[in-house]
Amino acid sequence: MTSPRTSRTARFAALPLAVALSLTGCTVVTAPGNGMPGMDHGSSQSPGAGDMADTMFVQMMIPHHEQAIEMSDILLAKDGIDADVAALAQQIKDAQTPEIELMESLLDEWGMPSAGNMGGMDHGDGMMSDDDIEELEEATGDEAQRLFLEQMIEHHEGAIDMAEDVIDDGSDPQVQQLAQTIVESQTAEIEQMEQMLAAM
């Protein structure tokens, strides 16, 4: 059920205009003496340490990680789930929660808005639709864990695509390190999930 890779252009075009405008690197400030607005090109509140590719990656990856945690929580709340599948869901939560905290701290450092209610990701980049989440919520037993694994594989593949894009186009060292970690850890988890599915 792997979806076709979504291009960077399509993903970035989906971001709200307000976010795109905030990435210009200029902050409106009050010029001394006359109270008139001026442009501060050297403000620490502009994303000087994180360019457009880095900032967009962080803003998009936060809700992506949040959905993976939501999916894991749904599975962990069910009865009759195989211990190995439950352990994987917990592993995903344990890995992605601190990554969200790191990304939020980067946005704070850059003076950039959180992706919180931006929307715009639609169901690209491996994101599940509301119907997909509802299907997972309603599933039980073997069907629930099979669905979780299939959905999470697609979800991870989307995250890896995003991470590889920012490795190519970004420049911030912390973002580069995070993206590399995502590629390596989620590739390994995909292999583990595919093995679990094959054994069902």
C-alpha atoms as a PDB file:
ATOM      1  CA  MET A   1       0.000   0.000   0.000  1.00  0.00           C
ATOM      2  CA  THR A   2       3.008   2.253  -0.507  1.00  0.00           C
ATOM      3  CA  SER A   3       1.976   5.592  -2.007  1.00  0.00           C
ATOM      4  CA  PRO A   4       4.024   7.251  -4.756  1.00  0.00           C
ATOM      5  CA  ARG A   5       6.749   9.555  -3.536  1.00  0.00           C
ATOM      6  CA  THR A   6       5.495  13.105  -3.171  1.00  0.00           C
ATOM      7  CA  SER A   7       7.786  15.698  -4.693  1.00  0.00           C
ATOM      8  CA  ARG A   8       9.399  18.412  -2.602  1.00  0.00           C
ATOM      9  CA  THR A   9       7.731  21.019  -4.767  1.00  0.00           C
ATOM     10  CA  ALA A  10       4.248  19.666  -4.134  1.00  0.00           C
ATOM     11  CA  ARG A  11       4.858  19.367  -0.414  1.00  0.00           C
ATOM     12  CA  PHE A  12       6.306  22.830  -0.025  1.00  0.00           C
ATOM     13  CA  ALA A  13       3.561  24.384  -2.160  1.00  0.00           C
ATOM     14  CA  ALA A  14       1.012  22.984   0.261  1.00  0.00           C
ATOM     15  CA  LEU A  15       2.376  25.019   3.167  1.00  0.00           C
ATOM     16  CA  PRO A  16       0.316  28.080   4.068  1.00  0.00           C
ATOM     17  CA  LEU A  17       1.376  31.382   2.590  1.00  0.00           C
ATOM     18  CA  ALA A  18       1.954  32.836   6.038  1.00  0.00           C
ATOM     19  CA  VAL A  19       4.684  30.312   6.716  1.00  0.00           C
ATOM     20  CA  ALA A  20       6.314  30.928   3.361  1.00  0.00           C
ATOM     21  CA  LEU A  21       6.357  34.656   4.071  1.00  0.00           C
ATOM     22  CA  SER A  22       7.891  34.044   7.485  1.00  0.00           C
ATOM     23  CA  LEU A  23      10.830  32.325   5.818  1.00  0.00           C
ATOM     24  CA  THR A  24      12.105  35.433   4.076  1.00  0.00           C
ATOM     25  CA  GLY A  25      14.702  35.960   6.803  1.00  0.00           C
ATOM     26  CA  CYS A  26      13.510  39.508   7.567  1.00  0.00           C
ATOM     27  CA  THR A  27      11.846  40.577  10.777  1.00  0.00           C
ATOM     28  CA  VAL A  28       9.780  43.747  11.048  1.00  0.00           C
ATOM     29  CA  VAL A  29      11.111  45.896  13.880  1.00  0.00           C
ATOM     30  CA  THR A  30      10.622  49.438  15.072  1.00  0.00           C
ATOM     31  CA  ALA A  31      13.309  51.761  13.805  1.00  0.00           C
ATOM     32  CA  PRO A  32      14.881  53.828  16.576  1.00  0.00           C
ATOM     33  CA  GLY A  33      13.806  57.416  16.948  1.00  0.00           C
ATOM     34  CA  ASN A  34      10.891  57.600  14.516  1.00  0.00           C
ATOM     35  CA  GLY A  35       8.684  54.657  15.475  1.00  0.00           C
ATOM     36  CA  MET A  36       8.600  53.554  11.851  1.00  0.00           C
ATOM     37  CA  PRO A  37       8.850  49.882  10.977  1.00  0.00           C
ATOM     38  CA  GLY A  38      12.148  48.787   9.512  1.00  0.00           C
ATOM     39  CA  MET A  39      13.644  45.541   8.324  1.00  0.00           C
ATOM     40  CA  ASP A  40      16.099  43.811  10.625  1.00  0.00           C
ATOM     41  CA  HIS A  41      18.100  41.436   8.475  1.00  0.00           C
ATOM     42  CA  GLY A  42      20.373  40.390  11.318  1.00  0.00           C
ATOM     43  CA  SER A  43      17.763  39.517  13.928  1.00  0.00           C
ATOM     44  CA  SER A  44      18.310  36.343  15.912  1.00  0.00           C
ATOM     45  CA  GLN A  45      14.585  35.724  15.396  1.00  0.00           C
ATOM     46  CA  SER A  46      15.081  35.023  11.694  1.00  0.00           C
ATOM     47  CA  PRO A  47      16.018  31.485  10.596  1.00  0.00           C
ATOM     48  CA  GLY A  48      19.660  32.277   9.968  1.00  0.00           C
ATOM     49  CA  ALA A  49      20.787  28.937  11.407  1.00  0.00           C
ATOM     50  CA  GLY A  50      18.082  27.059   9.541  1.00  0.00           C
ATOM     51  CA  ASP A  51      17.397  27.784   5.881  1.00  0.00           C
ATOM     52  CA  MET A  52      14.076  27.224   4.125  1.00  0.00           C
ATOM     53  CA  ALA A  53      14.622  23.498   3.552  1.00  0.00           C
ATOM     54  CA  ASP A  54      15.607  22.919   7.180  1.00  0.00           C
ATOM     55  CA  THR A  55      12.694  24.941   8.543  1.00  0.00           C
ATOM     56  CA  MET A  56      10.086  23.314   6.320  1.00  0.00           C
ATOM     57  CA  PHE A  57      11.416  19.875   7.189  1.00  0.00           C
ATOM     58  CA  VAL A  58      11.132  20.544  10.920  1.00  0.00           C
ATOM     59  CA  GLN A  59       7.676  22.124  10.612  1.00  0.00           C
ATOM     60  CA  MET A  60       6.387  19.169   8.584  1.00  0.00           C
ATOM     61  CA  MET A  61       8.122  16.418  10.552  1.00  0.00           C
ATOM     62  CA  ILE A  62       6.626  17.457  13.894  1.00  0.00           C
ATOM     63  CA  PRO A  63       3.016  16.564  12.941  1.00  0.00           C
ATOM     64  CA  HIS A  64       4.350  13.533  11.077  1.00  0.00           C
ATOM     65  CA  HIS A  65       5.973  12.244  14.282  1.00  0.00           C
ATOM     66  CA  GLU A  66       2.887  13.179  16.302  1.00  0.00           C
ATOM     67  CA  GLN A  67       0.750  10.965  14.104  1.00  0.00           C
ATOM     68  CA  ALA A  68       3.166   8.033  14.482  1.00  0.00           C
ATOM     69  CA  ILE A  69       2.871   8.407  18.248  1.00  0.00           C
ATOM     70  CA  GLU A  70      -0.929   8.573  17.969  1.00  0.00           C
ATOM     71  CA  MET A  71      -0.944   5.354  15.920  1.00  0.00           C
ATOM     72  CA  SER A  72       1.319   3.670  18.471  1.00  0.00           C
ATOM     73  CA  ASP A  73      -0.917   4.773  21.346  1.00  0.00           C
ATOM     74  CA  ILE A  74      -3.967   3.357  19.571  1.00  0.00           C
ATOM     75  CA  LEU A  75      -2.292  -0.016  19.181  1.00  0.00           C
ATOM     76  CA  LEU A  76      -0.894  -0.096  22.720  1.00  0.00           C
ATOM     77  CA  ALA A  77      -4.373   0.485  24.159  1.00  0.00           C
ATOM     78  CA  LYS A  78      -5.691  -2.718  22.556  1.00  0.00           C
ATOM     79  CA  ASP A  79      -5.889  -6.199  24.040  1.00  0.00           C
ATOM     80  CA  GLY A  80      -4.457  -9.294  22.373  1.00  0.00           C
ATOM     81  CA  ILE A  81      -1.510  -7.580  20.666  1.00  0.00           C
ATOM     82  CA  ASP A  82       1.648  -9.613  20.150  1.00  0.00           C
ATOM     83  CA  ALA A  83       4.367  -8.595  22.588  1.00  0.00           C
ATOM     84  CA  ASP A  84       6.891  -7.927  19.798  1.00  0.00           C
ATOM     85  CA  VAL A  85       4.488  -5.639  17.924  1.00  0.00           C
ATOM     86  CA  ALA A  86       3.631  -3.794  21.138  1.00  0.00           C
ATOM     87  CA  ALA A  87       7.335  -3.410  21.911  1.00  0.00           C
ATOM     88  CA  LEU A  88       7.901  -1.909  18.458  1.00  0.00           C
ATOM     89  CA  ALA A  89       5.064   0.581  18.983  1.00  0.00           C
ATOM     90  CA  GLN A  90       6.619   1.616  22.295  1.00  0.00           C
ATOM     91  CA  GLN A  91      10.034   1.878  20.635  1.00  0.00           C
ATOM     92  CA  ILE A  92       8.591   4.259  18.034  1.00  0.00           C
ATOM     93  CA  LYS A  93       7.068   6.415  20.779  1.00  0.00           C
ATOM     94  CA  ASP A  94      10.281   6.446  22.793  1.00  0.00           C
ATOM     95  CA  ALA A  95      12.353   7.479  19.751  1.00  0.00           C
ATOM     96  CA  GLN A  96      10.064  10.097  18.267  1.00  0.00           C
ATOM     97  CA  THR A  97       8.954  11.930  21.424  1.00  0.00           C
ATOM     98  CA  PRO A  98      12.433  13.420  22.111  1.00  0.00           C
ATOM     99  CA  GLU A  99      12.845  14.126  18.396  1.00  0.00           C
ATOM    100  CA  ILE A 100       9.691  16.262  18.524  1.00  0.00           C
ATOM    101  CA  GLU A 101      11.121  18.103  21.533  1.00  0.00           C
ATOM    102  CA  LEU A 102      14.355  18.751  19.627  1.00  0.00           C
ATOM    103  CA  MET A 103      12.502  20.062  16.578  1.00  0.00           C
ATOM    104  CA  GLU A 104      10.310  22.342  18.676  1.00  0.00           C
ATOM    105  CA  SER A 105      13.437  23.742  20.350  1.00  0.00           C
ATOM    106  CA  LEU A 106      14.973  24.426  16.931  1.00  0.00           C
ATOM    107  CA  LEU A 107      11.893  26.362  15.832  1.00  0.00           C
ATOM    108  CA  ASP A 108      12.032  28.362  19.065  1.00  0.00           C
ATOM    109  CA  GLU A 109      15.724  29.082  18.461  1.00  0.00           C
ATOM    110  CA  TRP A 110      14.993  30.255  14.922  1.00  0.00           C
ATOM    111  CA  GLY A 111      11.940  32.278  15.988  1.00  0.00           C
ATOM    112  CA  MET A 112       9.769  30.274  13.608  1.00  0.00           C
ATOM    113  CA  PRO A 113       6.167  29.114  14.132  1.00  0.00           C
ATOM    114  CA  SER A 114       5.277  25.567  15.023  1.00  0.00           C
ATOM    115  CA  ALA A 115       3.526  23.456  12.422  1.00  0.00           C
ATOM    116  CA  GLY A 116       0.722  22.869  14.963  1.00  0.00           C
ATOM    117  CA  ASN A 117      -2.398  23.824  13.050  1.00  0.00           C
ATOM    118  CA  MET A 118      -0.817  24.569   9.692  1.00  0.00           C
ATOM    119  CA  GLY A 119      -2.441  21.667   7.904  1.00  0.00           C
ATOM    120  CA  GLY A 120      -1.390  21.439   4.275  1.00  0.00           C
ATOM    121  CA  MET A 121       0.306  18.045   4.549  1.00  0.00           C
ATOM    122  CA  ASP A 122      -2.885  16.366   3.368  1.00  0.00           C
ATOM    123  CA  HIS A 123      -2.116  12.653   3.143  1.00  0.00           C
ATOM    124  CA  GLY A 124       1.226  12.840   1.379  1.00  0.00           C
ATOM    125  CA  ASP A 125       4.535  11.925   2.961  1.00  0.00           C
ATOM    126  CA  GLY A 126       3.044   8.719   4.348  1.00  0.00           C
ATOM    127  CA  MET A 127       0.496  10.554   6.493  1.00  0.00           C
ATOM    128  CA  MET A 128      -2.635   8.586   7.326  1.00  0.00           C
ATOM    129  CA  SER A 129      -6.075  10.021   6.581  1.00  0.00           C
ATOM    130  CA  ASP A 130      -8.789  10.339   9.225  1.00  0.00           C
ATOM    131  CA  ASP A 131     -10.397   7.235   7.733  1.00  0.00           C
ATOM    132  CA  ASP A 132      -7.121   5.312   8.080  1.00  0.00           C
ATOM    133  CA  ILE A 133      -6.855   6.271  11.753  1.00  0.00           C
ATOM    134  CA  GLU A 134     -10.483   5.340  12.359  1.00  0.00           C
ATOM    135  CA  GLU A 135      -9.911   1.961  10.712  1.00  0.00           C
ATOM    136  CA  LEU A 136      -6.979   1.320  13.034  1.00  0.00           C
ATOM    137  CA  GLU A 137      -9.017   2.401  16.056  1.00  0.00           C
ATOM    138  CA  GLU A 138     -11.820  -0.025  15.189  1.00  0.00           C
ATOM    139  CA  ALA A 139      -9.612  -3.025  14.371  1.00  0.00           C
ATOM    140  CA  THR A 140      -8.930  -5.716  16.958  1.00  0.00           C
ATOM    141  CA  GLY A 141      -6.440  -8.516  17.562  1.00  0.00           C
ATOM    142  CA  ASP A 142      -4.473  -9.799  14.594  1.00  0.00           C
ATOM    143  CA  GLU A 143      -6.220  -7.418  12.210  1.00  0.00           C
ATOM    144  CA  ALA A 144      -5.240  -4.426  14.349  1.00  0.00           C
ATOM    145  CA  GLN A 145      -1.565  -5.325  14.447  1.00  0.00           C
ATOM    146  CA  ARG A 146      -1.483  -6.191  10.740  1.00  0.00           C
ATOM    147  CA  LEU A 147      -3.067  -2.825   9.926  1.00  0.00           C
ATOM    148  CA  PHE A 148      -0.720  -0.998  12.278  1.00  0.00           C
ATOM    149  CA  LEU A 149       2.337  -2.549  10.639  1.00  0.00           C
ATOM    150  CA  GLU A 150       1.136  -1.819   7.103  1.00  0.00           C
ATOM    151  CA  GLN A 151       0.244   1.774   7.948  1.00  0.00           C
ATOM    152  CA  MET A 152       3.453   2.391   9.872  1.00  0.00           C
ATOM    153  CA  ILE A 153       5.601   1.063   7.019  1.00  0.00           C
ATOM    154  CA  GLU A 154       3.974   3.594   4.681  1.00  0.00           C
ATOM    155  CA  HIS A 155       4.317   6.289   7.336  1.00  0.00           C
ATOM    156  CA  HIS A 156       8.019   5.537   7.830  1.00  0.00           C
ATOM    157  CA  GLU A 157       8.662   5.513   4.072  1.00  0.00           C
ATOM    158  CA  GLY A 158       7.229   9.039   3.883  1.00  0.00           C
ATOM    159  CA  ALA A 159       9.458  10.190   6.742  1.00  0.00           C
ATOM    160  CA  ILE A 160      12.532   8.701   5.079  1.00  0.00           C
ATOM    161  CA  ASP A 161      11.727  10.529   1.824  1.00  0.00           C
ATOM    162  CA  MET A 162      11.435  13.812   3.742  1.00  0.00           C
ATOM    163  CA  ALA A 163      14.677  13.169   5.623  1.00  0.00           C
ATOM    164  CA  GLU A 164      16.588  12.312   2.454  1.00  0.00           C
ATOM    165  CA  ASP A 165      15.322  15.513   0.835  1.00  0.00           C
ATOM    166  CA  VAL A 166      16.621  17.705   3.658  1.00  0.00           C
ATOM    167  CA  ILE A 167      19.934  15.842   3.712  1.00  0.00           C
ATOM    168  CA  ASP A 168      20.290  16.888   0.066  1.00  0.00           C
ATOM    169  CA  ASP A 169      18.952  20.439   0.394  1.00  0.00           C
ATOM    170  CA  GLY A 170      19.403  21.544   4.010  1.00  0.00           C
ATOM    171  CA  SER A 171      22.396  22.968   5.823  1.00  0.00           C
ATOM    172  CA  ASP A 172      21.760  23.042   9.583  1.00  0.00           C
ATOM    173  CA  PRO A 173      24.040  20.504  11.345  1.00  0.00           C
ATOM    174  CA  GLN A 174      21.420  19.496  13.929  1.00  0.00           C
ATOM    175  CA  VAL A 175      18.810  18.954  11.234  1.00  0.00           C
ATOM    176  CA  GLN A 176      21.282  16.944   9.160  1.00  0.00           C
ATOM    177  CA  GLN A 177      22.047  14.716  12.145  1.00  0.00           C
ATOM    178  CA  LEU A 178      18.360  14.255  12.964  1.00  0.00           C
ATOM    179  CA  ALA A 179      17.503  13.454   9.356  1.00  0.00           C
ATOM    180  CA  GLN A 180      20.279  10.861   9.170  1.00  0.00           C
ATOM    181  CA  THR A 181      19.019   9.280  12.401  1.00  0.00           C
ATOM    182  CA  ILE A 182      15.496   9.108  10.977  1.00  0.00           C
ATOM    183  CA  VAL A 183      16.719   7.443   7.780  1.00  0.00           C
ATOM    184  CA  GLU A 184      18.770   4.836   9.651  1.00  0.00           C
ATOM    185  CA  SER A 185      16.355   4.050  12.484  1.00  0.00           C
ATOM    186  CA  GLN A 186      13.189   3.982  10.414  1.00  0.00           C
ATOM    187  CA  THR A 187      14.788   1.915   7.647  1.00  0.00           C
ATOM    188  CA  ALA A 188      15.664  -0.673  10.300  1.00  0.00           C
ATOM    189  CA  GLU A 189      12.140  -0.527  11.712  1.00  0.00           C
ATOM    190  CA  ILE A 190      10.636  -1.030   8.251  1.00  0.00           C
ATOM    191  CA  GLU A 191      12.713  -4.188   7.838  1.00  0.00           C
ATOM    192  CA  GLN A 192      11.552  -5.381  11.254  1.00  0.00           C
ATOM    193  CA  MET A 193       7.881  -4.668  10.430  1.00  0.00           C
ATOM    194  CA  GLU A 194       8.120  -6.430   7.073  1.00  0.00           C
ATOM    195  CA  GLN A 195       9.465  -9.499   8.868  1.00  0.00           C
ATOM    196  CA  MET A 196       6.588  -9.340  11.346  1.00  0.00           C
ATOM    197  CA  LEU A 197       4.062  -9.130   8.531  1.00  0.00           C
ATOM    198  CA  ALA A 198       5.645 -12.067   6.710  1.00  0.00           C
ATOM    199  CA  ALA A 199       5.361 -14.168   9.865  1.00  0.00           C
ATOM    200  CA  MET A 200       1.618 -13.500  10.286  1.00  0.00           C
END
